[in-house]
C-alpha cells in the first residue's frame, strides 16, 4: 500500500521546505489521510495538506513532532547488546545467518 508521501511526493517535499518537516515525515508513515488525522487529532486536515490547498499551522507541526518522538522505534544502545554463540551444522549455517541478519543481529562466523 502506498504512503501519503508516495502518492504526491512533490506536495510533501514542498511542505517540508516551508518549515513542516515533522508533518512531511508523517506522510511517509501513514497510508490514508484519515489515519494521519486521527494521529494528530484533526479532521480533514491531512487531505488538504496533501492536495496543497492548505498549509498546516505551527501547532500541527509540534503535534506531529510529538507523535513521531512517541512512536519512533527505540534505537539499541551499545550497552543493550548481548553476545551469543550459535552452533549449527554446516548445511544449516547460511540459513541461520540469513535469519539472524533479518532479525537485526550482527553475525560473525568463526
C-alpha atoms as a PDB file:
ATOM      1  CA  UNK A   1       0.000   0.000   0.000  1.00  0.00           C
ATOM      2  CA  UNK A   2       1.322   3.439  -0.942  1.00  0.00           C
ATOM      3  CA  UNK A   3       2.000   6.028   1.732  1.00  0.00           C
ATOM      4  CA  UNK A   4       0.678   9.564   1.501  1.00  0.00           C
ATOM      5  CA  UNK A   5       4.173  10.672   0.528  1.00  0.00           C
ATOM      6  CA  UNK A   6       4.282   8.114  -2.276  1.00  0.00           C
ATOM      7  CA  UNK A   7       1.025   9.441  -3.723  1.00  0.00           C
ATOM      8  CA  UNK A   8       2.258  13.043  -4.051  1.00  0.00           C
ATOM      9  CA  UNK A   9       5.898  13.487  -3.025  1.00  0.00           C
ATOM     10  CA  UNK A  10       6.213  16.971  -4.507  1.00  0.00           C
ATOM     11  CA  UNK A  11       3.490  18.366  -2.216  1.00  0.00           C
ATOM     12  CA  UNK A  12       5.014  16.847   0.930  1.00  0.00           C
ATOM     13  CA  UNK A  13       8.519  17.960  -0.081  1.00  0.00           C
ATOM     14  CA  UNK A  14       7.150  21.486  -0.530  1.00  0.00           C
ATOM     15  CA  UNK A  15       5.650  21.359   2.974  1.00  0.00           C
ATOM     16  CA  UNK A  16       8.995  20.262   4.367  1.00  0.00           C
ATOM     17  CA  UNK A  17      10.662  23.161   2.566  1.00  0.00           C
ATOM     18  CA  UNK A  18       8.136  25.566   4.069  1.00  0.00           C
ATOM     19  CA  UNK A  19       9.087  24.555   7.613  1.00  0.00           C
ATOM     20  CA  UNK A  20       6.968  21.492   8.335  1.00  0.00           C
ATOM     21  CA  UNK A  21       9.463  18.586   8.393  1.00  0.00           C
ATOM     22  CA  UNK A  22       7.580  16.538  11.001  1.00  0.00           C
ATOM     23  CA  UNK A  23       4.347  16.670   9.029  1.00  0.00           C
ATOM     24  CA  UNK A  24       6.248  15.650   5.897  1.00  0.00           C
ATOM     25  CA  UNK A  25       7.790  12.764   7.866  1.00  0.00           C
ATOM     26  CA  UNK A  26       4.319  11.642   8.986  1.00  0.00           C
ATOM     27  CA  UNK A  27       3.275  11.429   5.336  1.00  0.00           C
ATOM     28  CA  UNK A  28       5.855   8.645   4.979  1.00  0.00           C
ATOM     29  CA  UNK A  29       4.246   6.714   7.844  1.00  0.00           C
ATOM     30  CA  UNK A  30       0.531   6.793   7.026  1.00  0.00           C
ATOM     31  CA  UNK A  31      -1.349   5.357   4.057  1.00  0.00           C
ATOM     32  CA  UNK A  32      -4.534   7.383   4.364  1.00  0.00           C
ATOM     33  CA  UNK A  33      -5.331  10.958   5.381  1.00  0.00           C
ATOM     34  CA  UNK A  34      -7.888   9.694   7.912  1.00  0.00           C
ATOM     35  CA  UNK A  35      -5.208   7.722   9.757  1.00  0.00           C
ATOM     36  CA  UNK A  36      -2.926  10.754   9.860  1.00  0.00           C
ATOM     37  CA  UNK A  37      -5.795  12.980  11.025  1.00  0.00           C
ATOM     38  CA  UNK A  38      -6.583  10.521  13.822  1.00  0.00           C
ATOM     39  CA  UNK A  39      -2.951  10.507  14.973  1.00  0.00           C
ATOM     40  CA  UNK A  40      -2.846  14.306  15.058  1.00  0.00           C
ATOM     41  CA  UNK A  41      -6.350  14.806  16.413  1.00  0.00           C
ATOM     42  CA  UNK A  42      -7.654  16.713  13.394  1.00  0.00           C
ATOM     43  CA  UNK A  43     -10.475  16.044  10.961  1.00  0.00           C
ATOM     44  CA  UNK A  44      -9.812  16.520   7.257  1.00  0.00           C
ATOM     45  CA  UNK A  45      -6.531  18.397   7.617  1.00  0.00           C
ATOM     46  CA  UNK A  46      -4.178  15.813   6.093  1.00  0.00           C
ATOM     47  CA  UNK A  47      -6.128  15.573   2.847  1.00  0.00           C
ATOM     48  CA  UNK A  48      -5.988  19.365   2.466  1.00  0.00           C
ATOM     49  CA  UNK A  49      -2.261  19.397   3.184  1.00  0.00           C
ATOM     50  CA  UNK A  50      -1.720  16.517   0.746  1.00  0.00           C
ATOM     51  CA  UNK A  51      -3.575  18.286  -2.035  1.00  0.00           C
ATOM     52  CA  UNK A  52      -1.661  21.504  -1.436  1.00  0.00           C
ATOM     53  CA  UNK A  53      -4.824  23.521  -0.849  1.00  0.00           C
ATOM     54  CA  UNK A  54      -3.959  24.440   2.743  1.00  0.00           C
ATOM     55  CA  UNK A  55      -0.873  24.856   4.925  1.00  0.00           C
ATOM     56  CA  UNK A  56      -0.563  23.392   8.413  1.00  0.00           C
ATOM     57  CA  UNK A  57      -0.133  25.638  11.415  1.00  0.00           C
ATOM     58  CA  UNK A  58       2.756  25.739  13.865  1.00  0.00           C
ATOM     59  CA  UNK A  59       0.717  23.770  16.408  1.00  0.00           C
ATOM     60  CA  UNK A  60       0.215  20.966  13.867  1.00  0.00           C
ATOM     61  CA  UNK A  61       3.986  20.731  13.391  1.00  0.00           C
ATOM     62  CA  UNK A  62       4.514  20.479  17.162  1.00  0.00           C
ATOM     63  CA  UNK A  63       1.862  17.763  17.483  1.00  0.00           C
ATOM     64  CA  UNK A  64       3.420  15.845  14.571  1.00  0.00           C
ATOM     65  CA  UNK A  65       6.875  16.064  16.178  1.00  0.00           C
ATOM     66  CA  UNK A  66       5.492  14.794  19.480  1.00  0.00           C
ATOM     67  CA  UNK A  67       3.747  11.896  17.704  1.00  0.00           C
ATOM     68  CA  UNK A  68       6.951  10.955  15.872  1.00  0.00           C
ATOM     69  CA  UNK A  69       9.005  11.108  19.072  1.00  0.00           C
ATOM     70  CA  UNK A  70       6.481   8.950  20.945  1.00  0.00           C
ATOM     71  CA  UNK A  71       6.134   6.354  18.185  1.00  0.00           C
ATOM     72  CA  UNK A  72       9.676   6.123  16.853  1.00  0.00           C
ATOM     73  CA  UNK A  73      11.258   2.712  17.435  1.00  0.00           C
ATOM     74  CA  UNK A  74      13.857   2.800  20.170  1.00  0.00           C
ATOM     75  CA  UNK A  75      17.451   2.668  18.980  1.00  0.00           C
ATOM     76  CA  UNK A  76      19.590  -0.047  20.512  1.00  0.00           C
ATOM     77  CA  UNK A  77      22.195   1.339  22.859  1.00  0.00           C
ATOM     78  CA  UNK A  78      25.650  -0.143  22.903  1.00  0.00           C
ATOM     79  CA  UNK A  79      25.140  -1.390  26.456  1.00  0.00           C
ATOM     80  CA  UNK A  80      21.867  -3.100  25.449  1.00  0.00           C
ATOM     81  CA  UNK A  81      23.719  -5.665  23.352  1.00  0.00           C
ATOM     82  CA  UNK A  82      24.427  -9.268  24.212  1.00  0.00           C
ATOM     83  CA  UNK A  83      26.721 -11.804  22.625  1.00  0.00           C
ATOM     84  CA  UNK A  84      25.564 -15.325  21.873  1.00  0.00           C
ATOM     85  CA  UNK A  85      27.250 -18.302  20.319  1.00  0.00           C
ATOM     86  CA  UNK A  86      25.108 -20.302  17.931  1.00  0.00           C
ATOM     87  CA  UNK A  87      26.320 -23.729  16.894  1.00  0.00           C
ATOM     88  CA  UNK A  88      24.738 -25.467  13.906  1.00  0.00           C
ATOM     89  CA  UNK A  89      25.586 -27.969  11.185  1.00  0.00           C
ATOM     90  CA  UNK A  90      27.411 -26.522   8.147  1.00  0.00           C
ATOM     91  CA  UNK A  91      24.435 -27.182   5.871  1.00  0.00           C
ATOM     92  CA  UNK A  92      22.186 -25.010   8.045  1.00  0.00           C
ATOM     93  CA  UNK A  93      24.768 -22.228   8.537  1.00  0.00           C
ATOM     94  CA  UNK A  94      23.717 -19.973   5.623  1.00  0.00           C
ATOM     95  CA  UNK A  95      20.056 -20.169   6.622  1.00  0.00           C
ATOM     96  CA  UNK A  96      20.889 -19.339  10.245  1.00  0.00           C
ATOM     97  CA  UNK A  97      22.970 -16.349   9.120  1.00  0.00           C
ATOM     98  CA  UNK A  98      20.100 -15.122   6.941  1.00  0.00           C
ATOM     99  CA  UNK A  99      17.550 -15.417   9.748  1.00  0.00           C
ATOM    100  CA  UNK A 100      19.780 -13.721  12.331  1.00  0.00           C
ATOM    101  CA  UNK A 101      20.559 -10.907   9.888  1.00  0.00           C
ATOM    102  CA  UNK A 102      16.856 -10.359   9.198  1.00  0.00           C
ATOM    103  CA  UNK A 103      16.353 -10.050  12.964  1.00  0.00           C
ATOM    104  CA  UNK A 104      18.929  -7.247  13.055  1.00  0.00           C
ATOM    105  CA  UNK A 105      21.729  -9.268  14.588  1.00  0.00           C
ATOM    106  CA  UNK A 106      25.358  -8.811  13.662  1.00  0.00           C
ATOM    107  CA  UNK A 107      26.689 -12.222  12.612  1.00  0.00           C
ATOM    108  CA  UNK A 108      30.334 -13.232  12.791  1.00  0.00           C
ATOM    109  CA  UNK A 109      31.249 -16.684  11.549  1.00  0.00           C
ATOM    110  CA  UNK A 110      34.177 -18.468  13.186  1.00  0.00           C
END
